[in-house]
């Protein structure tokens, strides 16, 4: 549990850093009742009229299809490594 909490904190920090320093916008939707999250990435930024953000999958790849990622240490580490690539 402590490791998951630490990784979630690291992920939030990285997403904040990407969103404030780069043109990319990343949204995280955490659902504690199912211990899952969905992450949507807009490589060229988000605005009211933009379309085409993609969802991050548990394997670290992007998809147009919504996917809930189970929150565990392996999935979080893969997601963190992917998000680091946007810095």
N, C-alpha and C. Protein backbone atom coordinates (compact mmCIF):
# COMPACT_ATOMS: atom_id res chain seq x y z
N UNK A 1 0.82 -1.20 0.00
CA UNK A 1 0.00 0.00 0.00
C UNK A 1 0.87 1.26 0.00
N UNK A 2 1.93 1.28 0.82
CA UNK A 2 2.79 2.46 0.86
C UNK A 2 3.45 2.72 -0.49
N UNK A 3 3.86 1.64 -1.16
CA UNK A 3 4.51 1.80 -2.46
C UNK A 3 3.53 2.35 -3.50
N UNK A 4 2.31 1.88 -3.51
CA UNK A 4 1.29 2.39 -4.44
C UNK A 4 1.04 3.87 -4.16
N UNK A 5 0.92 4.23 -2.90
CA UNK A 5 0.70 5.63 -2.53
C UNK A 5 1.86 6.50 -3.01
N UNK A 6 3.07 6.03 -2.83
CA UNK A 6 4.26 6.78 -3.28
C UNK A 6 4.27 6.92 -4.80
N UNK A 7 3.95 5.83 -5.52
CA UNK A 7 3.93 5.89 -6.98
C UNK A 7 2.82 6.79 -7.50
N UNK A 8 1.65 6.77 -6.85
CA UNK A 8 0.58 7.69 -7.25
C UNK A 8 1.02 9.14 -7.08
N UNK A 9 1.69 9.43 -5.97
CA UNK A 9 2.20 10.77 -5.75
C UNK A 9 3.22 11.18 -6.81
N UNK A 10 4.10 10.24 -7.16
CA UNK A 10 5.10 10.50 -8.20
C UNK A 10 4.41 10.77 -9.55
N UNK A 11 3.40 9.97 -9.86
CA UNK A 11 2.66 10.15 -11.11
C UNK A 11 2.00 11.53 -11.17
N UNK A 12 1.34 11.92 -10.11
CA UNK A 12 0.67 13.23 -10.07
C UNK A 12 1.71 14.34 -10.25
N UNK A 13 2.86 14.21 -9.60
CA UNK A 13 3.92 15.21 -9.74
C UNK A 13 4.43 15.30 -11.17
N UNK A 14 4.62 14.16 -11.82
CA UNK A 14 5.09 14.16 -13.21
C UNK A 14 4.05 14.77 -14.15
N UNK A 15 2.78 14.42 -13.94
CA UNK A 15 1.72 14.98 -14.78
C UNK A 15 1.67 16.49 -14.61
N UNK A 16 1.81 16.96 -13.38
CA UNK A 16 1.83 18.41 -13.13
C UNK A 16 3.00 19.05 -13.87
N UNK A 17 4.15 18.42 -13.81
CA UNK A 17 5.33 18.96 -14.48
C UNK A 17 5.14 19.02 -16.00
N UNK A 18 4.61 17.96 -16.59
CA UNK A 18 4.35 17.95 -18.03
C UNK A 18 3.35 19.05 -18.39
N UNK A 19 2.25 19.13 -17.63
CA UNK A 19 1.20 20.09 -17.95
C UNK A 19 1.65 21.54 -17.81
N UNK A 20 2.63 21.81 -16.96
CA UNK A 20 3.07 23.20 -16.76
C UNK A 20 4.28 23.57 -17.59
N UNK A 21 5.03 22.59 -18.08
CA UNK A 21 6.27 22.89 -18.81
C UNK A 21 6.22 22.59 -20.30
N UNK A 22 5.26 21.79 -20.72
CA UNK A 22 5.20 21.34 -22.12
C UNK A 22 3.85 21.70 -22.73
N UNK A 23 3.73 21.52 -24.04
CA UNK A 23 2.46 21.76 -24.72
C UNK A 23 1.47 20.62 -24.49
N UNK A 24 1.95 19.48 -24.05
CA UNK A 24 1.11 18.31 -23.81
C UNK A 24 0.27 18.51 -22.56
N UNK A 25 -0.99 18.08 -22.61
CA UNK A 25 -1.86 18.08 -21.44
C UNK A 25 -2.26 16.64 -21.13
N UNK A 26 -2.16 16.29 -19.85
CA UNK A 26 -2.50 14.94 -19.41
C UNK A 26 -3.56 15.05 -18.32
N UNK A 27 -4.62 14.26 -18.46
CA UNK A 27 -5.71 14.23 -17.49
C UNK A 27 -5.74 12.86 -16.84
N UNK A 28 -5.90 12.84 -15.52
CA UNK A 28 -6.01 11.58 -14.78
C UNK A 28 -7.39 11.54 -14.12
N UNK A 29 -8.07 10.43 -14.30
CA UNK A 29 -9.36 10.19 -13.66
C UNK A 29 -9.20 8.97 -12.77
N UNK A 30 -9.10 9.20 -11.47
CA UNK A 30 -8.89 8.11 -10.51
C UNK A 30 -10.24 7.71 -9.91
N UNK A 31 -10.52 6.43 -9.91
CA UNK A 31 -11.77 5.90 -9.37
C UNK A 31 -11.46 4.93 -8.23
N UNK A 32 -11.45 5.42 -6.99
CA UNK A 32 -11.05 4.56 -5.88
C UNK A 32 -12.01 3.39 -5.63
N UNK A 33 -13.26 3.53 -6.00
CA UNK A 33 -14.21 2.45 -5.74
C UNK A 33 -13.92 1.20 -6.56
N UNK A 34 -13.16 1.34 -7.65
CA UNK A 34 -12.75 0.18 -8.45
C UNK A 34 -11.23 0.04 -8.50
N UNK A 35 -10.53 0.89 -7.76
CA UNK A 35 -9.07 0.89 -7.74
C UNK A 35 -8.52 0.97 -9.16
N UNK A 36 -9.06 1.93 -9.91
CA UNK A 36 -8.64 2.10 -11.29
C UNK A 36 -8.48 3.55 -11.66
N UNK A 37 -7.84 3.78 -12.79
CA UNK A 37 -7.69 5.14 -13.30
C UNK A 37 -7.68 5.11 -14.81
N UNK A 38 -8.07 6.23 -15.38
CA UNK A 38 -7.99 6.42 -16.82
C UNK A 38 -7.13 7.66 -17.03
N UNK A 39 -6.27 7.60 -18.02
CA UNK A 39 -5.37 8.72 -18.31
C UNK A 39 -5.54 9.09 -19.77
N UNK A 40 -5.86 10.35 -20.02
CA UNK A 40 -6.04 10.82 -21.38
C UNK A 40 -4.95 11.85 -21.68
N UNK A 41 -4.29 11.70 -22.82
CA UNK A 41 -3.16 12.54 -23.19
C UNK A 41 -3.50 13.29 -24.47
N UNK A 42 -3.31 14.60 -24.41
CA UNK A 42 -3.45 15.48 -25.58
C UNK A 42 -2.04 15.96 -25.91
N UNK A 43 -1.41 15.34 -26.90
CA UNK A 43 -0.01 15.64 -27.22
C UNK A 43 0.24 17.09 -27.58
N UNK A 44 -0.75 17.73 -28.19
CA UNK A 44 -0.58 19.12 -28.63
C UNK A 44 -1.40 20.08 -27.78
N UNK A 45 -1.74 19.66 -26.60
CA UNK A 45 -2.49 20.52 -25.68
C UNK A 45 -3.99 20.36 -25.83
N UNK A 46 -4.70 20.78 -24.79
CA UNK A 46 -6.15 20.70 -24.77
C UNK A 46 -6.73 22.10 -24.80
N UNK A 47 -7.86 22.25 -25.49
CA UNK A 47 -8.67 23.46 -25.41
C UNK A 47 -10.12 23.07 -25.68
N UNK A 48 -11.03 24.04 -25.60
CA UNK A 48 -12.47 23.75 -25.76
C UNK A 48 -12.81 23.05 -27.07
N UNK A 49 -12.04 23.32 -28.10
CA UNK A 49 -12.40 22.84 -29.43
C UNK A 49 -11.55 21.66 -29.89
N UNK A 50 -10.60 21.23 -29.08
CA UNK A 50 -9.71 20.17 -29.56
C UNK A 50 -10.40 18.81 -29.49
N UNK A 51 -9.94 17.96 -30.34
CA UNK A 51 -10.40 16.59 -30.38
C UNK A 51 -9.18 15.69 -30.41
N UNK A 52 -9.39 14.43 -30.19
CA UNK A 52 -8.34 13.48 -30.49
C UNK A 52 -7.37 13.13 -29.39
N UNK A 53 -7.68 13.44 -28.15
CA UNK A 53 -6.82 12.94 -27.10
C UNK A 53 -6.85 11.42 -27.12
N UNK A 54 -5.80 10.80 -26.62
CA UNK A 54 -5.75 9.35 -26.60
C UNK A 54 -5.60 8.85 -25.17
N UNK A 55 -6.11 7.66 -24.94
CA UNK A 55 -6.03 7.05 -23.62
C UNK A 55 -4.76 6.22 -23.50
N UNK A 56 -4.13 6.33 -22.35
CA UNK A 56 -2.97 5.52 -22.05
C UNK A 56 -3.45 4.17 -21.56
N UNK A 57 -2.91 3.11 -22.14
CA UNK A 57 -3.28 1.75 -21.74
C UNK A 57 -2.30 1.22 -20.71
N UNK A 58 -2.65 0.15 -20.05
CA UNK A 58 -1.80 -0.40 -19.00
C UNK A 58 -0.45 -0.91 -19.53
N UNK A 59 -0.36 -1.16 -20.84
CA UNK A 59 0.92 -1.59 -21.41
C UNK A 59 1.80 -0.41 -21.81
N UNK A 60 1.33 0.82 -21.54
CA UNK A 60 2.11 2.01 -21.84
C UNK A 60 1.87 2.58 -23.23
N UNK A 61 1.03 1.95 -24.02
CA UNK A 61 0.72 2.43 -25.37
C UNK A 61 -0.52 3.30 -25.34
N UNK A 62 -0.70 4.09 -26.40
CA UNK A 62 -1.87 4.96 -26.52
C UNK A 62 -2.93 4.31 -27.39
N UNK A 63 -4.19 4.64 -27.10
CA UNK A 63 -5.32 4.09 -27.85
C UNK A 63 -6.44 5.12 -27.90
N UNK A 64 -7.26 5.04 -28.92
CA UNK A 64 -8.46 5.89 -28.99
C UNK A 64 -9.55 5.36 -28.07
N UNK A 65 -9.42 4.13 -27.61
CA UNK A 65 -10.43 3.48 -26.79
C UNK A 65 -10.15 3.69 -25.30
N UNK A 66 -11.20 4.00 -24.56
CA UNK A 66 -11.11 4.17 -23.11
C UNK A 66 -10.64 2.88 -22.47
N UNK A 67 -9.75 3.00 -21.52
CA UNK A 67 -9.32 1.83 -20.75
C UNK A 67 -9.12 2.22 -19.30
N UNK A 68 -9.65 1.41 -18.41
CA UNK A 68 -9.39 1.59 -16.99
C UNK A 68 -8.15 0.80 -16.64
N UNK A 69 -7.17 1.47 -16.05
CA UNK A 69 -5.93 0.83 -15.64
C UNK A 69 -6.05 0.46 -14.17
N UNK A 70 -5.85 -0.80 -13.85
CA UNK A 70 -5.87 -1.24 -12.45
C UNK A 70 -4.67 -0.62 -11.75
N UNK A 71 -4.91 -0.02 -10.59
CA UNK A 71 -3.85 0.63 -9.85
C UNK A 71 -3.07 -0.42 -9.05
N UNK A 72 -1.87 -0.73 -9.53
CA UNK A 72 -0.94 -1.60 -8.81
C UNK A 72 0.47 -1.15 -9.14
N UNK A 73 1.46 -1.69 -8.47
CA UNK A 73 2.83 -1.18 -8.64
C UNK A 73 3.35 -1.36 -10.06
N UNK A 74 3.08 -2.50 -10.68
CA UNK A 74 3.58 -2.72 -12.05
C UNK A 74 2.98 -1.74 -13.04
N UNK A 75 1.65 -1.60 -13.01
CA UNK A 75 0.99 -0.68 -13.94
C UNK A 75 1.41 0.76 -13.69
N UNK A 76 1.51 1.14 -12.42
CA UNK A 76 1.92 2.52 -12.12
C UNK A 76 3.32 2.80 -12.62
N UNK A 77 4.23 1.86 -12.46
CA UNK A 77 5.60 2.08 -12.93
C UNK A 77 5.64 2.24 -14.45
N UNK A 78 4.86 1.42 -15.18
CA UNK A 78 4.79 1.55 -16.64
C UNK A 78 4.22 2.91 -17.03
N UNK A 79 3.16 3.33 -16.36
CA UNK A 79 2.54 4.63 -16.65
C UNK A 79 3.53 5.76 -16.36
N UNK A 80 4.22 5.69 -15.24
CA UNK A 80 5.21 6.71 -14.89
C UNK A 80 6.29 6.79 -15.96
N UNK A 81 6.79 5.66 -16.40
CA UNK A 81 7.83 5.65 -17.44
C UNK A 81 7.32 6.27 -18.73
N UNK A 82 6.08 6.02 -19.08
CA UNK A 82 5.50 6.63 -20.28
C UNK A 82 5.36 8.13 -20.13
N UNK A 83 4.85 8.58 -18.99
CA UNK A 83 4.65 10.01 -18.75
C UNK A 83 5.99 10.75 -18.76
N UNK A 84 7.05 10.12 -18.22
CA UNK A 84 8.38 10.74 -18.23
C UNK A 84 8.81 11.07 -19.66
N UNK A 85 8.36 10.28 -20.62
CA UNK A 85 8.72 10.50 -22.02
C UNK A 85 8.17 11.79 -22.59
N UNK A 86 7.21 12.41 -21.92
CA UNK A 86 6.64 13.68 -22.39
C UNK A 86 7.37 14.89 -21.83
N UNK A 87 8.36 14.66 -20.97
CA UNK A 87 9.14 15.79 -20.43
C UNK A 87 10.24 16.20 -21.37
